[in-house]
Amino acid sequence: MLQLKEIDYYLNNEVVLITELRGNLSGLKERTIQVLEDLKSSIFSSGELASFSFLQQIISQAKEINRKIAILVNRRGEVLRIKVGELTEDFFQNVERRKSDKRLSGLRCIYLTFNQELDRRAEIFLKEYRLDLVLHIYLNNLKEKNKAKAH
């Protein structure tokens, strides 16, 4: 696991270390890593999950490298983390779990996969971390349109 560029992020008035780009980056071209790092600095309006152009770029990268990609975005529209590979517990490392069952965390996850169904772990993370939303984008290798499903 290679991790690049760490920053401080405030969540619930506590400093949380957020790693910009993580996951299995071995075998990726420098250009691909640079594109993913550049996408990490994206900020969207608070009213949108992600811009159309961001989604087009991240879908293009996932298809090019033929790997899953997960993106964590806060309600202010800031991309906090991008992970290449499976959505696992370490993706949420240093993200505090909500104590209240009545409030959501303010975090949204965009998960690009090559599987039509969202795996059970992603559904568990949705509940466990009280995510506002998990947007699952199914990427197929055919010329058909991609499919997305919000949870």
N, C-alpha and C. Protein backbone atom coordinates (compact mmCIF):
# COMPACT_ATOMS: atom_id res chain seq x y z
N MET A 1 0.83 -1.18 0.00
CA MET A 1 0.00 0.00 0.00
C MET A 1 0.88 1.26 0.00
N LEU A 2 0.71 2.09 -0.97
CA LEU A 2 1.44 3.35 -1.07
C LEU A 2 0.50 4.47 -0.67
N GLN A 3 0.98 5.38 0.15
CA GLN A 3 0.15 6.51 0.55
C GLN A 3 0.89 7.80 0.23
N LEU A 4 0.18 8.77 -0.33
CA LEU A 4 0.80 10.02 -0.75
C LEU A 4 0.09 11.20 -0.11
N LYS A 5 0.80 12.27 0.16
CA LYS A 5 0.29 13.55 0.60
C LYS A 5 -0.75 13.49 1.72
N GLU A 6 -0.32 13.74 2.92
CA GLU A 6 -1.25 13.75 4.05
C GLU A 6 -1.56 15.19 4.44
N ILE A 7 -2.82 15.45 4.82
CA ILE A 7 -3.26 16.78 5.22
C ILE A 7 -4.07 16.67 6.51
N ASP A 8 -4.20 17.77 7.22
CA ASP A 8 -5.07 17.80 8.39
C ASP A 8 -6.45 18.22 7.96
N TYR A 9 -7.46 17.60 8.54
CA TYR A 9 -8.85 17.90 8.25
C TYR A 9 -9.60 17.93 9.56
N TYR A 10 -10.46 18.91 9.73
CA TYR A 10 -11.22 19.03 10.96
C TYR A 10 -12.58 18.37 10.79
N LEU A 11 -12.90 17.42 11.65
CA LEU A 11 -14.19 16.74 11.64
C LEU A 11 -14.66 16.71 13.08
N ASN A 12 -15.84 17.26 13.33
CA ASN A 12 -16.38 17.33 14.68
C ASN A 12 -15.40 18.01 15.64
N ASN A 13 -14.79 19.10 15.18
CA ASN A 13 -13.86 19.92 15.96
C ASN A 13 -12.58 19.19 16.38
N GLU A 14 -12.29 18.06 15.77
CA GLU A 14 -11.05 17.36 16.05
C GLU A 14 -10.24 17.27 14.76
N VAL A 15 -8.92 17.31 14.90
CA VAL A 15 -8.07 17.20 13.72
C VAL A 15 -8.02 15.72 13.33
N VAL A 16 -8.29 15.46 12.08
CA VAL A 16 -8.27 14.11 11.54
C VAL A 16 -7.28 14.10 10.39
N LEU A 17 -6.39 13.13 10.36
CA LEU A 17 -5.43 13.01 9.27
C LEU A 17 -6.11 12.33 8.09
N ILE A 18 -6.15 13.02 6.98
CA ILE A 18 -6.76 12.46 5.77
C ILE A 18 -5.66 12.27 4.74
N THR A 19 -5.57 11.09 4.19
CA THR A 19 -4.59 10.78 3.15
C THR A 19 -5.26 10.97 1.82
N GLU A 20 -4.66 11.76 0.97
CA GLU A 20 -5.29 12.11 -0.30
C GLU A 20 -5.47 10.93 -1.24
N LEU A 21 -4.42 10.17 -1.44
CA LEU A 21 -4.48 9.09 -2.42
C LEU A 21 -3.87 7.85 -1.77
N ARG A 22 -4.63 6.77 -1.78
CA ARG A 22 -4.12 5.53 -1.17
C ARG A 22 -4.61 4.34 -1.95
N GLY A 23 -4.19 3.18 -1.52
CA GLY A 23 -4.61 1.95 -2.18
C GLY A 23 -3.46 1.30 -2.92
N ASN A 24 -3.80 0.39 -3.80
CA ASN A 24 -2.80 -0.34 -4.55
C ASN A 24 -2.44 0.47 -5.81
N LEU A 25 -1.38 1.25 -5.70
CA LEU A 25 -0.96 2.10 -6.81
C LEU A 25 0.15 1.45 -7.64
N SER A 26 0.57 0.25 -7.23
CA SER A 26 1.66 -0.41 -7.97
C SER A 26 1.20 -0.73 -9.39
N GLY A 27 2.10 -0.50 -10.30
CA GLY A 27 1.81 -0.77 -11.70
C GLY A 27 1.11 0.37 -12.42
N LEU A 28 0.71 1.42 -11.70
CA LEU A 28 0.05 2.55 -12.34
C LEU A 28 1.11 3.48 -12.94
N LYS A 29 0.79 4.06 -14.07
CA LYS A 29 1.69 5.03 -14.70
C LYS A 29 1.71 6.31 -13.87
N GLU A 30 2.84 7.01 -13.91
CA GLU A 30 2.97 8.28 -13.20
C GLU A 30 1.88 9.26 -13.61
N ARG A 31 1.55 9.26 -14.90
CA ARG A 31 0.51 10.16 -15.41
C ARG A 31 -0.83 9.87 -14.75
N THR A 32 -1.15 8.59 -14.58
CA THR A 32 -2.41 8.20 -13.94
C THR A 32 -2.44 8.65 -12.48
N ILE A 33 -1.34 8.45 -11.78
CA ILE A 33 -1.26 8.87 -10.38
C ILE A 33 -1.41 10.39 -10.29
N GLN A 34 -0.78 11.12 -11.21
CA GLN A 34 -0.90 12.58 -11.22
C GLN A 34 -2.33 13.03 -11.46
N VAL A 35 -3.03 12.38 -12.39
CA VAL A 35 -4.44 12.71 -12.66
C VAL A 35 -5.28 12.48 -11.40
N LEU A 36 -5.07 11.35 -10.73
CA LEU A 36 -5.82 11.05 -9.51
C LEU A 36 -5.50 12.07 -8.41
N GLU A 37 -4.23 12.46 -8.29
CA GLU A 37 -3.86 13.49 -7.31
C GLU A 37 -4.52 14.82 -7.64
N ASP A 38 -4.57 15.17 -8.92
CA ASP A 38 -5.22 16.41 -9.33
C ASP A 38 -6.71 16.37 -9.03
N LEU A 39 -7.34 15.23 -9.26
CA LEU A 39 -8.77 15.09 -8.97
C LEU A 39 -9.04 15.22 -7.48
N LYS A 40 -8.07 14.87 -6.66
CA LYS A 40 -8.22 14.97 -5.21
C LYS A 40 -8.46 16.41 -4.77
N SER A 41 -7.94 17.36 -5.49
CA SER A 41 -8.09 18.76 -5.09
C SER A 41 -9.41 19.37 -5.56
N SER A 42 -10.30 18.55 -6.11
CA SER A 42 -11.59 19.04 -6.60
C SER A 42 -12.49 19.50 -5.46
N ILE A 43 -13.22 20.55 -5.72
CA ILE A 43 -14.23 21.05 -4.78
C ILE A 43 -15.48 21.34 -5.60
N PHE A 44 -16.62 20.85 -5.12
CA PHE A 44 -17.89 21.03 -5.81
C PHE A 44 -18.76 21.96 -5.00
N SER A 45 -19.82 22.46 -5.60
CA SER A 45 -20.74 23.26 -4.80
C SER A 45 -21.39 22.34 -3.78
N SER A 46 -21.76 22.88 -2.64
CA SER A 46 -22.30 22.05 -1.57
C SER A 46 -23.61 21.37 -1.96
N GLY A 47 -24.25 21.85 -3.00
CA GLY A 47 -25.52 21.27 -3.44
C GLY A 47 -25.38 20.08 -4.36
N GLU A 48 -24.14 19.77 -4.78
CA GLU A 48 -23.97 18.63 -5.68
C GLU A 48 -23.00 17.62 -5.08
N LEU A 49 -23.20 16.38 -5.41
CA LEU A 49 -22.31 15.33 -4.93
C LEU A 49 -20.95 15.43 -5.62
N ALA A 50 -20.98 15.64 -6.92
CA ALA A 50 -19.76 15.78 -7.71
C ALA A 50 -20.14 16.43 -9.04
N SER A 51 -19.19 17.09 -9.63
CA SER A 51 -19.47 17.70 -10.93
C SER A 51 -19.47 16.63 -12.02
N PHE A 52 -20.15 16.91 -13.11
CA PHE A 52 -20.21 15.99 -14.23
C PHE A 52 -18.81 15.74 -14.78
N SER A 53 -18.02 16.79 -14.88
CA SER A 53 -16.67 16.66 -15.42
C SER A 53 -15.79 15.79 -14.52
N PHE A 54 -15.92 15.94 -13.18
CA PHE A 54 -15.18 15.10 -12.24
C PHE A 54 -15.56 13.63 -12.44
N LEU A 55 -16.86 13.36 -12.52
CA LEU A 55 -17.32 11.98 -12.70
C LEU A 55 -16.80 11.39 -14.01
N GLN A 56 -16.83 12.18 -15.08
CA GLN A 56 -16.30 11.70 -16.36
C GLN A 56 -14.83 11.34 -16.24
N GLN A 57 -14.04 12.19 -15.57
CA GLN A 57 -12.61 11.95 -15.43
C GLN A 57 -12.32 10.73 -14.57
N ILE A 58 -13.03 10.59 -13.46
CA ILE A 58 -12.76 9.47 -12.55
C ILE A 58 -13.22 8.15 -13.18
N ILE A 59 -14.31 8.18 -13.94
CA ILE A 59 -14.77 6.98 -14.67
C ILE A 59 -13.73 6.60 -15.72
N SER A 60 -13.22 7.58 -16.42
CA SER A 60 -12.21 7.33 -17.44
C SER A 60 -10.97 6.68 -16.82
N GLN A 61 -10.53 7.18 -15.66
CA GLN A 61 -9.35 6.63 -14.99
C GLN A 61 -9.60 5.20 -14.51
N ALA A 62 -10.77 4.95 -13.95
CA ALA A 62 -11.09 3.60 -13.46
C ALA A 62 -11.08 2.60 -14.61
N LYS A 63 -11.65 3.01 -15.74
CA LYS A 63 -11.67 2.11 -16.89
C LYS A 63 -10.26 1.90 -17.46
N GLU A 64 -9.47 2.96 -17.47
CA GLU A 64 -8.10 2.86 -18.01
C GLU A 64 -7.25 1.91 -17.19
N ILE A 65 -7.34 1.99 -15.86
CA ILE A 65 -6.51 1.15 -15.00
C ILE A 65 -7.20 -0.17 -14.65
N ASN A 66 -8.48 -0.27 -15.00
CA ASN A 66 -9.27 -1.48 -14.75
C ASN A 66 -9.25 -1.87 -13.26
N ARG A 67 -9.43 -0.87 -12.41
CA ARG A 67 -9.47 -1.09 -10.96
C ARG A 67 -10.61 -0.29 -10.36
N LYS A 68 -11.09 -0.77 -9.22
CA LYS A 68 -12.13 -0.05 -8.50
C LYS A 68 -11.54 1.22 -7.92
N ILE A 69 -12.39 2.25 -7.76
CA ILE A 69 -11.95 3.50 -7.15
C ILE A 69 -13.05 3.97 -6.20
N ALA A 70 -12.65 4.40 -5.02
CA ALA A 70 -13.58 4.96 -4.04
C ALA A 70 -13.18 6.40 -3.75
N ILE A 71 -14.17 7.28 -3.61
CA ILE A 71 -13.93 8.69 -3.34
C ILE A 71 -14.77 9.09 -2.14
N LEU A 72 -14.17 9.80 -1.20
CA LEU A 72 -14.89 10.30 -0.02
C LEU A 72 -15.01 11.81 -0.15
N VAL A 73 -16.25 12.32 -0.07
CA VAL A 73 -16.55 13.74 -0.25
C VAL A 73 -17.34 14.22 0.97
N ASN A 74 -17.04 15.42 1.46
CA ASN A 74 -17.83 15.95 2.57
C ASN A 74 -18.95 16.84 2.04
N ARG A 75 -19.80 17.33 2.93
CA ARG A 75 -20.95 18.14 2.53
C ARG A 75 -20.55 19.49 1.94
N ARG A 76 -19.35 19.94 2.23
CA ARG A 76 -18.87 21.21 1.66
C ARG A 76 -18.39 21.02 0.23
N GLY A 77 -18.43 19.77 -0.25
CA GLY A 77 -18.03 19.50 -1.63
C GLY A 77 -16.55 19.26 -1.82
N GLU A 78 -15.83 19.02 -0.74
CA GLU A 78 -14.39 18.79 -0.82
C GLU A 78 -14.10 17.29 -0.92
N VAL A 79 -13.26 16.92 -1.87
CA VAL A 79 -12.83 15.53 -1.98
C VAL A 79 -11.79 15.31 -0.89
N LEU A 80 -12.07 14.40 0.02
CA LEU A 80 -11.17 14.15 1.14
C LEU A 80 -10.18 13.03 0.87
N ARG A 81 -10.64 12.04 0.11
CA ARG A 81 -9.79 10.87 -0.07
C ARG A 81 -10.18 10.15 -1.35
N ILE A 82 -9.18 9.63 -2.03
CA ILE A 82 -9.41 8.76 -3.18
C ILE A 82 -8.61 7.48 -2.92
N LYS A 83 -9.26 6.34 -3.11
CA LYS A 83 -8.58 5.06 -2.92
C LYS A 83 -8.73 4.22 -4.17
N VAL A 84 -7.63 3.66 -4.62
CA VAL A 84 -7.62 2.73 -5.74
C VAL A 84 -7.71 1.33 -5.15
N GLY A 85 -8.74 0.59 -5.55
CA GLY A 85 -8.91 -0.79 -5.06
C GLY A 85 -10.21 -0.96 -4.30
N GLU A 86 -10.28 -2.06 -3.56
CA GLU A 86 -11.48 -2.43 -2.82
C GLU A 86 -11.83 -1.38 -1.75
N LEU A 87 -13.11 -1.23 -1.51
CA LEU A 87 -13.59 -0.39 -0.41
C LEU A 87 -13.46 -1.21 0.86
N THR A 88 -12.54 -0.82 1.72
CA THR A 88 -12.27 -1.56 2.95
C THR A 88 -12.29 -0.60 4.13
N GLU A 89 -12.19 -1.17 5.31
CA GLU A 89 -12.23 -0.40 6.56
C GLU A 89 -11.16 0.71 6.57
N ASP A 90 -9.99 0.45 6.00
CA ASP A 90 -8.91 1.45 6.04
C ASP A 90 -9.26 2.73 5.26
N PHE A 91 -10.21 2.64 4.34
CA PHE A 91 -10.66 3.83 3.60
C PHE A 91 -11.26 4.86 4.57
N PHE A 92 -11.86 4.37 5.64
CA PHE A 92 -12.51 5.25 6.62
C PHE A 92 -11.63 5.51 7.84
N GLN A 93 -10.36 5.11 7.75
CA GLN A 93 -9.43 5.31 8.86
C GLN A 93 -9.41 6.78 9.27
N ASN A 94 -9.45 7.03 10.55
CA ASN A 94 -9.46 8.36 11.15
C ASN A 94 -10.74 9.14 10.91
N VAL A 95 -11.76 8.48 10.42
CA VAL A 95 -13.07 9.13 10.28
C VAL A 95 -13.90 8.67 11.47
N GLU A 96 -14.31 9.63 12.26
CA GLU A 96 -15.05 9.32 13.48
C GLU A 96 -16.44 8.81 13.16
N ARG A 97 -16.84 7.76 13.85
CA ARG A 97 -18.20 7.24 13.68
C ARG A 97 -19.17 8.11 14.45
N ARG A 98 -20.34 8.31 13.89
CA ARG A 98 -21.40 9.09 14.54
C ARG A 98 -21.94 8.35 15.75
N LYS A 99 -22.06 9.04 16.86
CA LYS A 99 -22.60 8.42 18.06
C LYS A 99 -24.12 8.43 18.05
N SER A 100 -24.70 9.44 17.43
CA SER A 100 -26.15 9.58 17.38
C SER A 100 -26.72 8.79 16.21
N ASP A 101 -27.81 8.10 16.46
CA ASP A 101 -28.50 7.38 15.39
C ASP A 101 -29.35 8.31 14.55
N LYS A 102 -29.52 9.54 15.01
CA LYS A 102 -30.41 10.48 14.34
C LYS A 102 -29.70 11.39 13.35
N ARG A 103 -28.37 11.46 13.42
CA ARG A 103 -27.63 12.37 12.55
C ARG A 103 -26.67 11.60 11.66
N LEU A 104 -26.53 12.08 10.44
CA LEU A 104 -25.60 11.47 9.51
C LEU A 104 -24.23 12.13 9.64
N SER A 105 -23.21 11.53 9.06
CA SER A 105 -21.83 11.98 9.25
C SER A 105 -21.44 13.20 8.42
N GLY A 106 -22.19 13.48 7.36
CA GLY A 106 -21.80 14.57 6.47
C GLY A 106 -20.84 14.11 5.40
N LEU A 107 -20.62 12.81 5.30
CA LEU A 107 -19.69 12.25 4.32
C LEU A 107 -20.46 11.43 3.29
N ARG A 108 -19.97 11.49 2.06
CA ARG A 108 -20.57 10.75 0.95
C ARG A 108 -19.48 9.95 0.27
N CYS A 109 -19.83 8.79 -0.19
CA CYS A 109 -18.86 7.92 -0.84
C CYS A 109 -19.31 7.64 -2.27
N ILE A 110 -18.40 7.82 -3.21
CA ILE A 110 -18.63 7.45 -4.60
C ILE A 110 -17.75 6.22 -4.84
N TYR A 111 -18.37 5.13 -5.27
CA TYR A 111 -17.64 3.87 -5.43
C TYR A 111 -17.83 3.34 -6.84
N LEU A 112 -16.75 3.28 -7.60
CA LEU A 112 -16.79 2.80 -8.98
C LEU A 112 -16.31 1.36 -9.01
N THR A 113 -17.15 0.46 -9.53
CA THR A 113 -16.79 -0.96 -9.57
C THR A 113 -17.11 -1.54 -10.94
N PHE A 114 -16.67 -2.75 -11.14
CA PHE A 114 -16.99 -3.48 -12.35
C PHE A 114 -18.02 -4.57 -12.07
N ASN A 115 -18.57 -4.55 -10.85
CA ASN A 115 -19.63 -5.49 -10.45
C ASN A 115 -20.95 -4.77 -10.44
N GLN A 116 -21.98 -5.45 -10.90
CA GLN A 116 -23.28 -4.81 -10.98
C GLN A 116 -23.88 -4.54 -9.60
N GLU A 117 -23.63 -5.44 -8.67
CA GLU A 117 -24.21 -5.30 -7.33
C GLU A 117 -23.18 -4.72 -6.36
N LEU A 118 -23.64 -3.88 -5.47
CA LEU A 118 -22.79 -3.33 -4.42
C LEU A 118 -22.51 -4.45 -3.42
N ASP A 119 -21.26 -4.61 -3.03
CA ASP A 119 -20.96 -5.70 -2.09
C ASP A 119 -21.46 -5.37 -0.69
N ARG A 120 -21.60 -6.39 0.09
CA ARG A 120 -22.16 -6.29 1.45
C ARG A 120 -21.37 -5.32 2.33
N ARG A 121 -20.05 -5.31 2.16
CA ARG A 121 -19.21 -4.43 2.98
C ARG A 121 -19.58 -2.97 2.81
N ALA A 122 -19.83 -2.56 1.58
CA ALA A 122 -20.19 -1.16 1.32
C ALA A 122 -21.49 -0.80 2.03
N GLU A 123 -22.43 -1.71 2.03
CA GLU A 123 -23.69 -1.47 2.74
C GLU A 123 -23.46 -1.37 4.24
N ILE A 124 -22.54 -2.18 4.76
CA ILE A 124 -22.20 -2.12 6.19
C ILE A 124 -21.55 -0.78 6.52
N PHE A 125 -20.63 -0.32 5.66
CA PHE A 125 -19.97 0.97 5.89
C PHE A 125 -20.99 2.11 5.85
N LEU A 126 -21.96 2.02 4.95
CA LEU A 126 -23.01 3.04 4.85
C LEU A 126 -23.70 3.21 6.20
N LYS A 127 -24.04 2.11 6.83
CA LYS A 127 -24.73 2.15 8.12
C LYS A 127 -23.78 2.46 9.27
N GLU A 128 -22.62 1.80 9.28
CA GLU A 128 -21.67 1.92 10.39
C GLU A 128 -21.12 3.34 10.53
N TYR A 129 -20.80 3.98 9.42
CA TYR A 129 -20.23 5.33 9.46
C TYR A 129 -21.29 6.40 9.25
N ARG A 130 -22.55 6.00 9.16
CA ARG A 130 -23.68 6.92 9.01
C ARG A 130 -23.43 7.87 7.83
N LEU A 131 -23.00 7.30 6.71
CA LEU A 131 -22.73 8.09 5.51
C LEU A 131 -24.03 8.68 4.99
N ASP A 132 -23.95 9.89 4.45
CA ASP A 132 -25.13 10.51 3.84
C ASP A 132 -25.60 9.69 2.64
N LEU A 133 -24.61 9.15 1.91
CA LEU A 133 -24.94 8.51 0.64
C LEU A 133 -23.77 7.67 0.17
N VAL A 134 -24.07 6.55 -0.47
CA VAL A 134 -23.07 5.81 -1.24
C VAL A 134 -23.60 5.79 -2.67
N LEU A 135 -22.84 6.38 -3.57
CA LEU A 135 -23.18 6.35 -4.99
C LEU A 135 -22.34 5.26 -5.63
N HIS A 136 -23.00 4.19 -6.05
CA HIS A 136 -22.31 3.07 -6.68
C HIS A 136 -22.43 3.23 -8.19
N ILE A 137 -21.30 3.36 -8.86
CA ILE A 137 -21.29 3.48 -10.31
C ILE A 137 -20.71 2.19 -10.88
N TYR A 138 -21.55 1.48 -11.60
CA TYR A 138 -21.16 0.21 -12.22
C TYR A 138 -20.56 0.50 -13.58
N LEU A 139 -19.31 0.11 -13.75
CA LEU A 139 -18.60 0.31 -15.01
C LEU A 139 -18.55 -1.00 -15.75
N ASN A 140 -19.03 -0.98 -16.96
CA ASN A 140 -18.92 -2.19 -17.77
C ASN A 140 -17.88 -1.96 -18.85
N ASN A 141 -17.39 -3.02 -19.39
CA ASN A 141 -16.35 -2.90 -20.41
C ASN A 141 -16.92 -2.80 -21.81
N LEU A 142 -18.22 -2.80 -21.92
CA LEU A 142 -18.86 -2.69 -23.22
C LEU A 142 -19.06 -1.22 -23.55
N LYS A 143 -19.58 -0.94 -24.71
CA LYS A 143 -19.82 0.44 -25.14
C LYS A 143 -21.14 0.99 -24.59
N GLU A 144 -21.82 0.19 -23.75
CA GLU A 144 -23.09 0.64 -23.17
C GLU A 144 -22.82 1.77 -22.18
N LYS A 145 -23.88 2.42 -21.78
CA LYS A 145 -23.76 3.48 -20.78
C LYS A 145 -23.48 2.87 -19.42
N ASN A 146 -22.79 3.63 -18.57
CA ASN A 146 -22.55 3.20 -17.19
C ASN A 146 -23.84 3.32 -16.42
N LYS A 147 -23.96 2.55 -15.36
CA LYS A 147 -25.16 2.59 -14.52
C LYS A 147 -24.75 3.05 -13.13
N ALA A 148 -25.63 3.81 -12.49
CA ALA A 148 -25.36 4.29 -11.14
C ALA A 148 -26.56 4.00 -10.26
N LYS A 149 -26.28 3.77 -8.98
CA LYS A 149 -27.33 3.50 -8.02
C LYS A 149 -26.94 4.17 -6.70
N ALA A 150 -27.84 4.93 -6.13
CA ALA A 150 -27.57 5.59 -4.85
C ALA A 150 -28.16 4.76 -3.73
N HIS A 151 -27.47 4.69 -2.62
CA HIS A 151 -27.92 3.94 -1.45
C HIS A 151 -28.01 4.87 -0.27
